[in-house]
Amino acid sequence: MTSHVDADAAPTEKFLLYQREIAERLNSRNLRTHRYALYEQSLIQKSHFIRLNGVVHHYHDSHPDAPADMPTIILIHGWDCWWMWWHEVIAHLNQSGVRTIAYDLKGHGWSDEGTDYSLHALSLDLHALVQHLGLKRYHIAAFSLGSFVALNYAQQFEHEIGSLTFFNFGIFPNSAQLEKVIPTVIPFIFDKFLRKIKVWWLIYAYARLTLARNHTTKENILVGVNSLRFISGKAIRETAKALAKREVTESLPKQIANLSIPVLLVAGKGDQVVRWKHTKALYEYAKRGRFELIKKCGHLITLELPQKTAELILSQIKLASSPSEVTLLGSEKTKSC
């Protein structure tokens, strides 16, 4: 696997637009709007831009000058999402002394559009970012599409990874018919329908009916709205096409079985996108796996339950660095909460 990194790049137009919008909200007389704008302004102080394999990518690094002994985790967002889906999780992890690096996949969030959205290409981008940051040992947490990328990446770079944590990810029942239908139907729903909705509470209603099982704030709903706003139509179509390939979905059990590092798979009992039984089925292939079932949770765990998300990630980091880790993984593999 070879990748190419250029020097730091200028911010993308999408970022500059959002930066201007933050400046406008800072002038708002609405106290809640003003306070959240201050919070967003503090977040973007840690934003960086780098050209990875020819495409400008955005990443947020909580501690660029972190000491060598500070645990580091790379956070990879899901399909049709962006790095901000992790923003509350990042706060909890930082408070616990963990360096977080959350980046936008190409075509998503504040990263520019690319041409190749295969899992191999997305893994190359991750490898280029790791090289740029000079990381030697790190953990990875991912959800949805990000889990596909992380698992693909780990096939070659397992020796660098301390642990993996996957949310809302599992075996995907597939067929020749689904392989053809998914790249057409799913992009249509997101690109032609949801992206047309401009009223935030309608998006909230859709999310509560189909994706979430817990209340979240208006600001977090707007995080989801901005996911739809910033992702390119090409990224929606091409990533759906890449994930729908039977060769991809059918390889997941083997890829999990190949790994010797600790792997935690977390499922929401109310997840209608990735059924918890499919997550548990994938976990059964892991040599050193744990399975966590959250009873009241849907598909949007990072926004639904950010503190719980951070706690699970922290438990995996600690478990991976514990001398008794092998024993623990062998004796306590399944848990429901």
C-alpha atoms as a PDB file:
ATOM      1  CA  MET A   1       0.000   0.000   0.000  1.00  0.00           C
ATOM      2  CA  THR A   2       1.586   3.284  -1.120  1.00  0.00           C
ATOM      3  CA  SER A   3       0.298   6.770  -0.458  1.00  0.00           C
ATOM      4  CA  HIS A   4       1.360  10.330  -1.130  1.00  0.00           C
ATOM      5  CA  VAL A   5       1.321  13.362   1.164  1.00  0.00           C
ATOM      6  CA  ASP A   6       1.884  16.959   0.105  1.00  0.00           C
ATOM      7  CA  ALA A   7       2.629  19.874   2.399  1.00  0.00           C
ATOM      8  CA  ASP A   8      -0.130  21.506   4.417  1.00  0.00           C
ATOM      9  CA  ALA A   9      -2.865  22.830   2.127  1.00  0.00           C
ATOM     10  CA  ALA A  10      -5.063  25.909   2.236  1.00  0.00           C
ATOM     11  CA  PRO A  11      -8.518  25.506   3.837  1.00  0.00           C
ATOM     12  CA  THR A  12     -11.264  24.311   1.515  1.00  0.00           C
ATOM     13  CA  GLU A  13     -14.104  26.544   0.354  1.00  0.00           C
ATOM     14  CA  LYS A  14     -16.564  24.552   2.468  1.00  0.00           C
ATOM     15  CA  PHE A  15     -14.559  25.330   5.587  1.00  0.00           C
ATOM     16  CA  LEU A  16     -14.232  29.020   4.741  1.00  0.00           C
ATOM     17  CA  LEU A  17     -17.984  29.235   4.186  1.00  0.00           C
ATOM     18  CA  TYR A  18     -18.663  27.669   7.585  1.00  0.00           C
ATOM     19  CA  GLN A  19     -16.123  29.951   9.200  1.00  0.00           C
ATOM     20  CA  ARG A  20     -18.014  32.971   7.854  1.00  0.00           C
ATOM     21  CA  GLU A  21     -21.273  31.531   9.152  1.00  0.00           C
ATOM     22  CA  ILE A  22     -19.773  31.131  12.616  1.00  0.00           C
ATOM     23  CA  ALA A  23     -18.721  34.780  12.511  1.00  0.00           C
ATOM     24  CA  GLU A  24     -22.311  35.756  11.688  1.00  0.00           C
ATOM     25  CA  ARG A  25     -23.703  33.659  14.543  1.00  0.00           C
ATOM     26  CA  LEU A  26     -21.281  35.296  16.957  1.00  0.00           C
ATOM     27  CA  ASN A  27     -23.222  38.516  16.364  1.00  0.00           C
ATOM     28  CA  SER A  28     -26.545  36.868  17.194  1.00  0.00           C
ATOM     29  CA  ARG A  29     -28.605  38.302  20.031  1.00  0.00           C
ATOM     30  CA  ASN A  30     -29.816  34.807  20.811  1.00  0.00           C
ATOM     31  CA  LEU A  31     -27.665  33.697  23.756  1.00  0.00           C
ATOM     32  CA  ARG A  32     -27.832  30.001  22.870  1.00  0.00           C
ATOM     33  CA  THR A  33     -26.818  30.661  19.258  1.00  0.00           C
ATOM     34  CA  HIS A  34     -23.981  32.942  20.398  1.00  0.00           C
ATOM     35  CA  ARG A  35     -22.634  30.439  22.911  1.00  0.00           C
ATOM     36  CA  TYR A  36     -22.660  27.585  20.417  1.00  0.00           C
ATOM     37  CA  ALA A  37     -20.858  29.775  17.881  1.00  0.00           C
ATOM     38  CA  LEU A  38     -18.152  30.413  20.484  1.00  0.00           C
ATOM     39  CA  TYR A  39     -17.882  26.669  20.982  1.00  0.00           C
ATOM     40  CA  GLU A  40     -17.612  26.041  17.227  1.00  0.00           C
ATOM     41  CA  GLN A  41     -14.990  28.770  16.953  1.00  0.00           C
ATOM     42  CA  SER A  42     -12.910  27.029  19.627  1.00  0.00           C
ATOM     43  CA  LEU A  43     -13.204  23.737  17.743  1.00  0.00           C
ATOM     44  CA  ILE A  44     -11.974  25.041  14.408  1.00  0.00           C
ATOM     45  CA  GLN A  45      -8.845  26.452  16.036  1.00  0.00           C
ATOM     46  CA  LYS A  46      -7.620  22.861  15.935  1.00  0.00           C
ATOM     47  CA  SER A  47      -8.574  22.221  12.308  1.00  0.00           C
ATOM     48  CA  HIS A  48      -5.862  21.471   9.756  1.00  0.00           C
ATOM     49  CA  PHE A  49      -5.751  20.832   6.015  1.00  0.00           C
ATOM     50  CA  ILE A  50      -3.460  18.460   4.154  1.00  0.00           C
ATOM     51  CA  ARG A  51      -3.342  17.140   0.610  1.00  0.00           C
ATOM     52  CA  LEU A  52      -3.569  13.345   0.777  1.00  0.00           C
ATOM     53  CA  ASN A  53      -3.125  11.455  -2.490  1.00  0.00           C
ATOM     54  CA  GLY A  54      -3.992  14.574  -4.464  1.00  0.00           C
ATOM     55  CA  VAL A  55      -7.121  15.566  -2.479  1.00  0.00           C
ATOM     56  CA  VAL A  56      -7.274  18.242   0.214  1.00  0.00           C
ATOM     57  CA  HIS A  57      -8.515  16.705   3.478  1.00  0.00           C
ATOM     58  CA  HIS A  58      -9.595  18.299   6.730  1.00  0.00           C
ATOM     59  CA  TYR A  59      -8.640  16.867  10.100  1.00  0.00           C
ATOM     60  CA  HIS A  60      -9.113  17.999  13.692  1.00  0.00           C
ATOM     61  CA  ASP A  61      -6.202  17.274  16.029  1.00  0.00           C
ATOM     62  CA  SER A  62      -6.819  17.923  19.723  1.00  0.00           C
ATOM     63  CA  HIS A  63      -3.148  17.775  20.736  1.00  0.00           C
ATOM     64  CA  PRO A  64      -0.694  18.220  17.820  1.00  0.00           C
ATOM     65  CA  ASP A  65       2.213  18.459  20.287  1.00  0.00           C
ATOM     66  CA  ALA A  66       1.135  15.525  22.442  1.00  0.00           C
ATOM     67  CA  PRO A  67       3.852  13.716  24.430  1.00  0.00           C
ATOM     68  CA  ALA A  68       4.838  10.284  23.157  1.00  0.00           C
ATOM     69  CA  ASP A  69       3.104   8.494  26.032  1.00  0.00           C
ATOM     70  CA  MET A  70      -0.292  10.143  25.446  1.00  0.00           C
ATOM     71  CA  PRO A  71      -2.831   7.643  24.024  1.00  0.00           C
ATOM     72  CA  THR A  72      -3.936   8.620  20.527  1.00  0.00           C
ATOM     73  CA  ILE A  73      -7.113   7.601  18.753  1.00  0.00           C
ATOM     74  CA  ILE A  74      -8.173   8.190  15.165  1.00  0.00           C
ATOM     75  CA  LEU A  75     -11.921   8.698  14.764  1.00  0.00           C
ATOM     76  CA  ILE A  76     -13.527   7.810  11.426  1.00  0.00           C
ATOM     77  CA  HIS A  77     -17.068   8.958  10.693  1.00  0.00           C
ATOM     78  CA  GLY A  78     -19.776   7.087   8.843  1.00  0.00           C
ATOM     79  CA  TRP A  79     -21.463   7.266   5.460  1.00  0.00           C
ATOM     80  CA  ASP A  80     -22.915  10.696   4.684  1.00  0.00           C
ATOM     81  CA  CYS A  81     -21.438  12.079   7.921  1.00  0.00           C
ATOM     82  CA  TRP A  82     -18.428  14.230   8.865  1.00  0.00           C
ATOM     83  CA  TRP A  83     -15.983  14.692  11.723  1.00  0.00           C
ATOM     84  CA  MET A  84     -18.427  16.755  13.792  1.00  0.00           C
ATOM     85  CA  TRP A  85     -20.413  13.601  14.552  1.00  0.00           C
ATOM     86  CA  TRP A  86     -17.628  12.977  17.079  1.00  0.00           C
ATOM     87  CA  HIS A  87     -17.482  16.455  18.610  1.00  0.00           C
ATOM     88  CA  GLU A  88     -18.991  15.591  22.020  1.00  0.00           C
ATOM     89  CA  VAL A  89     -17.120  12.280  22.136  1.00  0.00           C
ATOM     90  CA  ILE A  90     -13.903  14.212  21.492  1.00  0.00           C
ATOM     91  CA  ALA A  91     -14.555  16.439  24.516  1.00  0.00           C
ATOM     92  CA  HIS A  92     -15.010  13.430  26.815  1.00  0.00           C
ATOM     93  CA  LEU A  93     -11.907  11.670  25.477  1.00  0.00           C
ATOM     94  CA  ASN A  94      -9.755  14.798  25.757  1.00  0.00           C
ATOM     95  CA  GLN A  95     -10.858  15.250  29.368  1.00  0.00           C
ATOM     96  CA  SER A  96      -9.630  11.705  30.008  1.00  0.00           C
ATOM     97  CA  GLY A  97      -6.175  12.455  28.606  1.00  0.00           C
ATOM     98  CA  VAL A  98      -6.586  10.999  25.120  1.00  0.00           C
ATOM     99  CA  ARG A  99      -5.421  12.741  21.949  1.00  0.00           C
ATOM    100  CA  THR A 100      -8.106  12.642  19.271  1.00  0.00           C
ATOM    101  CA  ILE A 101      -7.671  12.916  15.526  1.00  0.00           C
ATOM    102  CA  ALA A 102     -10.941  13.123  13.607  1.00  0.00           C
ATOM    103  CA  TYR A 103     -10.844  13.625   9.863  1.00  0.00           C
ATOM    104  CA  ASP A 104     -13.279  14.046   7.002  1.00  0.00           C
ATOM    105  CA  LEU A 105     -13.224  11.342   4.355  1.00  0.00           C
ATOM    106  CA  LYS A 106     -12.848  12.737   0.843  1.00  0.00           C
ATOM    107  CA  GLY A 107     -16.074  14.236  -0.466  1.00  0.00           C
ATOM    108  CA  HIS A 108     -17.416  14.522   3.095  1.00  0.00           C
ATOM    109  CA  GLY A 109     -17.439  17.428   5.530  1.00  0.00           C
ATOM    110  CA  TRP A 110     -14.714  19.974   4.859  1.00  0.00           C
ATOM    111  CA  SER A 111     -12.628  17.680   2.631  1.00  0.00           C
ATOM    112  CA  ASP A 112     -12.625  18.171  -1.127  1.00  0.00           C
ATOM    113  CA  GLU A 113     -14.182  15.758  -3.583  1.00  0.00           C
ATOM    114  CA  GLY A 114     -12.104  12.892  -4.930  1.00  0.00           C
ATOM    115  CA  THR A 115     -12.331  10.509  -7.858  1.00  0.00           C
ATOM    116  CA  ASP A 116     -11.759   7.092  -6.267  1.00  0.00           C
ATOM    117  CA  TYR A 117     -14.043   6.107  -3.371  1.00  0.00           C
ATOM    118  CA  SER A 118     -13.060   2.445  -3.142  1.00  0.00           C
ATOM    119  CA  LEU A 119     -12.160   1.116   0.300  1.00  0.00           C
ATOM    120  CA  HIS A 120      -8.607   0.673  -0.926  1.00  0.00           C
ATOM    121  CA  ALA A 121      -8.397   4.352  -1.884  1.00  0.00           C
ATOM    122  CA  LEU A 122      -9.962   5.492   1.406  1.00  0.00           C
ATOM    123  CA  SER A 123      -7.463   3.311   3.282  1.00  0.00           C
ATOM    124  CA  LEU A 124      -4.621   4.905   1.326  1.00  0.00           C
ATOM    125  CA  ASP A 125      -5.829   8.317   2.497  1.00  0.00           C
ATOM    126  CA  LEU A 126      -5.816   7.152   6.112  1.00  0.00           C
ATOM    127  CA  HIS A 127      -2.315   5.750   5.694  1.00  0.00           C
ATOM    128  CA  ALA A 128      -1.136   9.069   4.239  1.00  0.00           C
ATOM    129  CA  LEU A 129      -2.601  10.948   7.203  1.00  0.00           C
ATOM    130  CA  VAL A 130      -0.910   8.610   9.692  1.00  0.00           C
ATOM    131  CA  GLN A 131       2.406   9.124   7.880  1.00  0.00           C
ATOM    132  CA  HIS A 132       1.962  12.891   7.894  1.00  0.00           C
ATOM    133  CA  LEU A 133       1.298  12.917  11.642  1.00  0.00           C
ATOM    134  CA  GLY A 134       4.196  10.571  12.343  1.00  0.00           C
ATOM    135  CA  LEU A 135       2.051   8.190  14.373  1.00  0.00           C
ATOM    136  CA  LYS A 136       3.721   4.959  15.428  1.00  0.00           C
ATOM    137  CA  ARG A 137       1.097   3.511  17.753  1.00  0.00           C
ATOM    138  CA  TYR A 138      -2.571   4.491  17.905  1.00  0.00           C
ATOM    139  CA  HIS A 139      -6.108   3.222  18.347  1.00  0.00           C
ATOM    140  CA  ILE A 140      -9.002   3.546  15.904  1.00  0.00           C
ATOM    141  CA  ALA A 141     -12.721   4.009  16.537  1.00  0.00           C
ATOM    142  CA  ALA A 142     -15.195   4.119  13.678  1.00  0.00           C
ATOM    143  CA  PHE A 143     -18.857   3.784  12.827  1.00  0.00           C
ATOM    144  CA  SER A 144     -20.798   2.723   9.749  1.00  0.00           C
ATOM    145  CA  LEU A 145     -18.720   3.446   6.588  1.00  0.00           C
ATOM    146  CA  GLY A 146     -15.733   4.339   8.765  1.00  0.00           C
ATOM    147  CA  SER A 147     -15.676   0.799  10.132  1.00  0.00           C
ATOM    148  CA  PHE A 148     -15.335  -0.609   6.610  1.00  0.00           C
ATOM    149  CA  VAL A 149     -12.366   1.710   6.049  1.00  0.00           C
ATOM    150  CA  ALA A 150     -10.732   0.892   9.396  1.00  0.00           C
ATOM    151  CA  LEU A 151     -11.133  -2.865   8.939  1.00  0.00           C
ATOM    152  CA  ASN A 152      -9.695  -2.701   5.425  1.00  0.00           C
ATOM    153  CA  TYR A 153      -6.807  -0.564   6.670  1.00  0.00           C
ATOM    154  CA  ALA A 154      -6.066  -2.907   9.575  1.00  0.00           C
ATOM    155  CA  GLN A 155      -5.427  -5.813   7.208  1.00  0.00           C
ATOM    156  CA  GLN A 156      -2.066  -4.235   6.377  1.00  0.00           C
ATOM    157  CA  PHE A 157      -1.286  -2.007   9.340  1.00  0.00           C
ATOM    158  CA  GLU A 158      -2.464  -4.092  12.280  1.00  0.00           C
ATOM    159  CA  HIS A 159       1.038  -3.925  13.788  1.00  0.00           C
ATOM    160  CA  GLU A 160       0.601  -0.178  14.368  1.00  0.00           C
ATOM    161  CA  ILE A 161      -2.892  -0.333  15.879  1.00  0.00           C
ATOM    162  CA  GLY A 162      -3.446  -0.830  19.600  1.00  0.00           C
ATOM    163  CA  SER A 163      -7.158  -1.584  19.377  1.00  0.00           C
ATOM    164  CA  LEU A 164     -10.239  -1.201  17.200  1.00  0.00           C
ATOM    165  CA  THR A 165     -13.705  -0.074  18.285  1.00  0.00           C
ATOM    166  CA  PHE A 166     -16.580  -0.403  15.811  1.00  0.00           C
ATOM    167  CA  PHE A 167     -20.020   1.119  16.282  1.00  0.00           C
ATOM    168  CA  ASN A 168     -23.125   0.167  14.287  1.00  0.00           C
ATOM    169  CA  PHE A 169     -21.234  -2.320  12.143  1.00  0.00           C
ATOM    170  CA  GLY A 170     -21.758  -5.975  11.418  1.00  0.00           C
ATOM    171  CA  ILE A 171     -22.377  -8.664   8.846  1.00  0.00           C
ATOM    172  CA  PHE A 172     -24.357  -7.311   5.905  1.00  0.00           C
ATOM    173  CA  PRO A 173     -26.674  -9.836   4.240  1.00  0.00           C
ATOM    174  CA  ASN A 174     -26.239  -9.220   0.521  1.00  0.00           C
ATOM    175  CA  SER A 175     -27.344 -10.626  -2.816  1.00  0.00           C
ATOM    176  CA  ALA A 176     -26.985  -9.949  -6.520  1.00  0.00           C
ATOM    177  CA  GLN A 177     -30.233  -7.988  -6.431  1.00  0.00           C
ATOM    178  CA  LEU A 178     -29.249  -5.861  -3.431  1.00  0.00           C
ATOM    179  CA  GLU A 179     -25.860  -5.200  -4.980  1.00  0.00           C
ATOM    180  CA  LYS A 180     -27.703  -3.488  -7.838  1.00  0.00           C
ATOM    181  CA  VAL A 181     -30.490  -1.832  -5.845  1.00  0.00           C
ATOM    182  CA  ILE A 182     -28.552  -0.268  -2.947  1.00  0.00           C
ATOM    183  CA  PRO A 183     -26.344   2.062  -5.070  1.00  0.00           C
ATOM    184  CA  THR A 184     -29.521   3.441  -6.638  1.00  0.00           C
ATOM    185  CA  VAL A 185     -32.059   3.597  -3.812  1.00  0.00           C
ATOM    186  CA  ILE A 186     -29.900   4.798  -0.897  1.00  0.00           C
ATOM    187  CA  PRO A 187     -28.275   7.703  -2.801  1.00  0.00           C
ATOM    188  CA  PHE A 188     -31.721   8.717  -4.077  1.00  0.00           C
ATOM    189  CA  ILE A 189     -33.080   8.943  -0.509  1.00  0.00           C
ATOM    190  CA  PHE A 190     -30.156  11.006   0.748  1.00  0.00           C
ATOM    191  CA  ASP A 191     -29.205  13.028  -2.327  1.00  0.00           C
ATOM    192  CA  LYS A 192     -32.609  13.695  -3.873  1.00  0.00           C
ATOM    193  CA  PHE A 193     -34.858  13.701  -0.812  1.00  0.00           C
ATOM    194  CA  LEU A 194     -33.168  14.427   2.522  1.00  0.00           C
ATOM    195  CA  ARG A 195     -30.779  17.023   1.101  1.00  0.00           C
ATOM    196  CA  LYS A 196     -33.794  19.002  -0.110  1.00  0.00           C
ATOM    197  CA  ILE A 197     -35.208  19.397   3.408  1.00  0.00           C
ATOM    198  CA  LYS A 198     -34.132  22.752   4.835  1.00  0.00           C
ATOM    199  CA  VAL A 199     -36.132  22.752   8.093  1.00  0.00           C
ATOM    200  CA  TRP A 200     -34.087  21.209  10.899  1.00  0.00           C
ATOM    201  CA  TRP A 201     -37.022  19.779  12.859  1.00  0.00           C
ATOM    202  CA  LEU A 202     -38.192  17.764   9.844  1.00  0.00           C
ATOM    203  CA  ILE A 203     -34.764  16.117   9.743  1.00  0.00           C
ATOM    204  CA  TYR A 204     -35.093  15.526  13.489  1.00  0.00           C
ATOM    205  CA  ALA A 205     -38.497  13.883  13.001  1.00  0.00           C
ATOM    206  CA  TYR A 206     -37.068  11.631  10.282  1.00  0.00           C
ATOM    207  CA  ALA A 207     -34.099  10.687  12.482  1.00  0.00           C
ATOM    208  CA  ARG A 208     -36.255   9.844  15.510  1.00  0.00           C
ATOM    209  CA  LEU A 209     -38.568   7.703  13.411  1.00  0.00           C
ATOM    210  CA  THR A 210     -35.893   5.784  11.539  1.00  0.00           C
ATOM    211  CA  LEU A 211     -32.412   6.149  13.042  1.00  0.00           C
ATOM    212  CA  ALA A 212     -32.308   7.343  16.665  1.00  0.00           C
ATOM    213  CA  ARG A 213     -33.772   6.099  19.931  1.00  0.00           C
ATOM    214  CA  ASN A 214     -32.646   8.979  22.136  1.00  0.00           C
ATOM    215  CA  HIS A 215     -33.282  12.703  22.191  1.00  0.00           C
ATOM    216  CA  THR A 216     -30.491  14.991  21.075  1.00  0.00           C
ATOM    217  CA  THR A 217     -30.074  18.738  20.842  1.00  0.00           C
ATOM    218  CA  LYS A 218     -31.019  21.063  18.012  1.00  0.00           C
ATOM    219  CA  GLU A 219     -27.309  21.732  17.527  1.00  0.00           C
ATOM    220  CA  ASN A 220     -26.632  18.036  16.978  1.00  0.00           C
ATOM    221  CA  ILE A 221     -29.486  17.813  14.504  1.00  0.00           C
ATOM    222  CA  LEU A 222     -27.791  20.648  12.628  1.00  0.00           C
ATOM    223  CA  VAL A 223     -24.603  18.562  12.634  1.00  0.00           C
ATOM    224  CA  GLY A 224     -26.612  15.988  10.680  1.00  0.00           C
ATOM    225  CA  VAL A 225     -28.099  18.666   8.408  1.00  0.00           C
ATOM    226  CA  ASN A 226     -24.592  19.904   7.605  1.00  0.00           C
ATOM    227  CA  SER A 227     -23.528  16.343   6.804  1.00  0.00           C
ATOM    228  CA  LEU A 228     -26.092  16.348   4.002  1.00  0.00           C
ATOM    229  CA  ARG A 229     -25.104  19.840   2.983  1.00  0.00           C
ATOM    230  CA  PHE A 230     -21.361  19.247   2.693  1.00  0.00           C
ATOM    231  CA  ILE A 231     -21.150  15.757   1.198  1.00  0.00           C
ATOM    232  CA  SER A 232     -20.819  15.662  -2.575  1.00  0.00           C
ATOM    233  CA  GLY A 233     -23.369  13.797  -4.669  1.00  0.00           C
ATOM    234  CA  LYS A 234     -20.535  11.769  -6.153  1.00  0.00           C
ATOM    235  CA  ALA A 235     -19.335  10.692  -2.712  1.00  0.00           C
ATOM    236  CA  ILE A 236     -22.852   9.541  -1.821  1.00  0.00           C
ATOM    237  CA  ARG A 237     -23.169   7.460  -4.988  1.00  0.00           C
ATOM    238  CA  GLU A 238     -19.655   6.042  -5.148  1.00  0.00           C
ATOM    239  CA  THR A 239     -19.363   5.030  -1.487  1.00  0.00           C
ATOM    240  CA  ALA A 240     -22.774   3.341  -1.640  1.00  0.00           C
ATOM    241  CA  LYS A 241     -21.609   1.466  -4.712  1.00  0.00           C
ATOM    242  CA  ALA A 242     -18.346   0.442  -3.002  1.00  0.00           C
ATOM    243  CA  LEU A 243     -20.060  -0.866   0.144  1.00  0.00           C
ATOM    244  CA  ALA A 244     -22.754  -2.737  -1.785  1.00  0.00           C
ATOM    245  CA  LYS A 245     -20.267  -4.997  -3.567  1.00  0.00           C
ATOM    246  CA  ARG A 246     -20.687  -8.601  -2.477  1.00  0.00           C
ATOM    247  CA  GLU A 247     -16.940  -9.103  -2.485  1.00  0.00           C
ATOM    248  CA  VAL A 248     -16.776  -6.375   0.184  1.00  0.00           C
ATOM    249  CA  THR A 249     -19.640  -7.532   2.411  1.00  0.00           C
ATOM    250  CA  GLU A 250     -18.722 -11.201   2.140  1.00  0.00           C
ATOM    251  CA  SER A 251     -15.101 -10.530   3.142  1.00  0.00           C
ATOM    252  CA  LEU A 252     -15.962  -8.938   6.514  1.00  0.00           C
ATOM    253  CA  PRO A 253     -15.918 -12.162   8.618  1.00  0.00           C
ATOM    254  CA  LYS A 254     -12.556 -13.195   7.170  1.00  0.00           C
ATOM    255  CA  GLN A 255     -11.086  -9.736   7.732  1.00  0.00           C
ATOM    256  CA  ILE A 256     -12.192  -9.718  11.375  1.00  0.00           C
ATOM    257  CA  ALA A 257     -10.852 -13.246  11.850  1.00  0.00           C
ATOM    258  CA  ASN A 258      -7.475 -12.167  10.449  1.00  0.00           C
ATOM    259  CA  LEU A 259      -6.894  -9.714  13.305  1.00  0.00           C
ATOM    260  CA  SER A 260      -5.039 -10.508  16.520  1.00  0.00           C
ATOM    261  CA  ILE A 261      -5.546  -7.100  18.157  1.00  0.00           C
ATOM    262  CA  PRO A 262      -8.463  -6.367  20.533  1.00  0.00           C
ATOM    263  CA  VAL A 263     -11.689  -5.569  18.678  1.00  0.00           C
ATOM    264  CA  LEU A 264     -14.827  -4.140  20.319  1.00  0.00           C
ATOM    265  CA  LEU A 265     -18.108  -4.206  18.400  1.00  0.00           C
ATOM    266  CA  VAL A 266     -20.936  -2.059  19.787  1.00  0.00           C
ATOM    267  CA  ALA A 267     -24.565  -2.357  18.710  1.00  0.00           C
ATOM    268  CA  GLY A 268     -27.740  -0.472  19.498  1.00  0.00           C
ATOM    269  CA  LYS A 269     -30.743  -2.697  20.096  1.00  0.00           C
ATOM    270  CA  GLY A 270     -32.913  -0.165  18.269  1.00  0.00           C
ATOM    271  CA  ASP A 271     -30.618   0.139  15.242  1.00  0.00           C
ATOM    272  CA  GLN A 272     -32.727  -0.484  12.141  1.00  0.00           C
ATOM    273  CA  VAL A 273     -29.821   0.017   9.724  1.00  0.00           C
ATOM    274  CA  VAL A 274     -27.397  -2.530  11.184  1.00  0.00           C
ATOM    275  CA  ARG A 275     -29.302  -5.078  13.270  1.00  0.00           C
ATOM    276  CA  TRP A 276     -27.622  -5.900  16.576  1.00  0.00           C
ATOM    277  CA  LYS A 277     -27.756  -9.610  15.737  1.00  0.00           C
ATOM    278  CA  HIS A 278     -25.625  -8.903  12.662  1.00  0.00           C
ATOM    279  CA  THR A 279     -23.092  -7.073  14.812  1.00  0.00           C
ATOM    280  CA  LYS A 280     -22.976  -9.997  17.218  1.00  0.00           C
ATOM    281  CA  ALA A 281     -22.597 -12.422  14.307  1.00  0.00           C
ATOM    282  CA  LEU A 282     -19.522 -10.540  13.092  1.00  0.00           C
ATOM    283  CA  TYR A 283     -18.044 -10.401  16.592  1.00  0.00           C
ATOM    284  CA  GLU A 284     -18.175 -14.205  16.746  1.00  0.00           C
ATOM    285  CA  TYR A 285     -15.367 -14.289  14.164  1.00  0.00           C
ATOM    286  CA  ALA A 286     -13.016 -12.110  16.246  1.00  0.00           C
ATOM    287  CA  LYS A 287     -10.090 -13.832  17.928  1.00  0.00           C
ATOM    288  CA  ARG A 288      -9.902 -11.220  20.672  1.00  0.00           C
ATOM    289  CA  GLY A 289     -13.304  -9.592  20.558  1.00  0.00           C
ATOM    290  CA  ARG A 290     -15.853  -7.988  22.828  1.00  0.00           C
ATOM    291  CA  PHE A 291     -19.489  -7.305  22.067  1.00  0.00           C
ATOM    292  CA  GLU A 292     -21.558  -4.577  23.752  1.00  0.00           C
ATOM    293  CA  LEU A 293     -25.298  -4.263  23.269  1.00  0.00           C
ATOM    294  CA  ILE A 294     -26.860  -0.936  24.267  1.00  0.00           C
ATOM    295  CA  LYS A 295     -30.544  -1.499  24.880  1.00  0.00           C
ATOM    296  CA  LYS A 296     -31.815   2.021  24.178  1.00  0.00           C
ATOM    297  CA  CYS A 297     -29.839   3.187  21.172  1.00  0.00           C
ATOM    298  CA  GLY A 298     -30.320   3.449  17.420  1.00  0.00           C
ATOM    299  CA  HIS A 299     -27.857   3.952  14.581  1.00  0.00           C
ATOM    300  CA  LEU A 300     -26.584   7.380  15.661  1.00  0.00           C
ATOM    301  CA  ILE A 301     -24.706   6.472  18.833  1.00  0.00           C
ATOM    302  CA  THR A 302     -22.067   9.225  18.673  1.00  0.00           C
ATOM    303  CA  LEU A 303     -24.765  11.893  18.831  1.00  0.00           C
ATOM    304  CA  GLU A 304     -27.326   9.920  20.845  1.00  0.00           C
ATOM    305  CA  LEU A 305     -24.985   8.782  23.614  1.00  0.00           C
ATOM    306  CA  PRO A 306     -21.645  10.607  23.305  1.00  0.00           C
ATOM    307  CA  GLN A 307     -20.534  10.001  26.892  1.00  0.00           C
ATOM    308  CA  LYS A 308     -21.301   6.273  26.637  1.00  0.00           C
ATOM    309  CA  THR A 309     -19.466   6.197  23.304  1.00  0.00           C
ATOM    310  CA  ALA A 310     -16.391   7.748  24.903  1.00  0.00           C
ATOM    311  CA  GLU A 311     -16.553   5.390  27.887  1.00  0.00           C
ATOM    312  CA  LEU A 312     -16.581   2.363  25.592  1.00  0.00           C
ATOM    313  CA  ILE A 313     -13.625   3.692  23.611  1.00  0.00           C
ATOM    314  CA  LEU A 314     -11.703   4.388  26.815  1.00  0.00           C
ATOM    315  CA  SER A 315     -12.434   0.887  28.104  1.00  0.00           C
ATOM    316  CA  GLN A 316     -10.999  -0.575  24.912  1.00  0.00           C
ATOM    317  CA  ILE A 317      -7.870   1.584  25.089  1.00  0.00           C
ATOM    318  CA  LYS A 318      -7.302   0.574  28.720  1.00  0.00           C
ATOM    319  CA  LEU A 319      -7.993  -3.076  27.985  1.00  0.00           C
ATOM    320  CA  ALA A 320      -5.499  -3.100  25.127  1.00  0.00           C
ATOM    321  CA  SER A 321      -2.762  -1.708  27.373  1.00  0.00           C
ATOM    322  CA  SER A 322      -3.529  -3.967  30.344  1.00  0.00           C
ATOM    323  CA  PRO A 323      -1.100  -6.824  31.141  1.00  0.00           C
ATOM    324  CA  SER A 324      -4.117  -9.067  31.840  1.00  0.00           C
ATOM    325  CA  GLU A 325      -5.828  -8.126  28.593  1.00  0.00           C
ATOM    326  CA  VAL A 326      -5.577 -11.580  27.044  1.00  0.00           C
ATOM    327  CA  THR A 327      -7.286 -13.190  30.033  1.00  0.00           C
ATOM    328  CA  LEU A 328     -10.027 -10.586  30.132  1.00  0.00           C
ATOM    329  CA  LEU A 329     -10.806 -10.953  26.470  1.00  0.00           C
ATOM    330  CA  GLY A 330     -11.037 -14.671  26.829  1.00  0.00           C
ATOM    331  CA  SER A 331     -13.390 -14.613  29.817  1.00  0.00           C
ATOM    332  CA  GLU A 332     -15.718 -11.645  29.245  1.00  0.00           C
ATOM    333  CA  LYS A 333     -16.666 -11.343  25.605  1.00  0.00           C
ATOM    334  CA  THR A 334     -20.288 -10.246  25.683  1.00  0.00           C
ATOM    335  CA  LYS A 335     -22.044  -7.547  27.651  1.00  0.00           C
ATOM    336  CA  SER A 336     -25.411  -5.812  27.534  1.00  0.00           C
ATOM    337  CA  CYS A 337     -26.092  -2.407  29.028  1.00  0.00           C
END
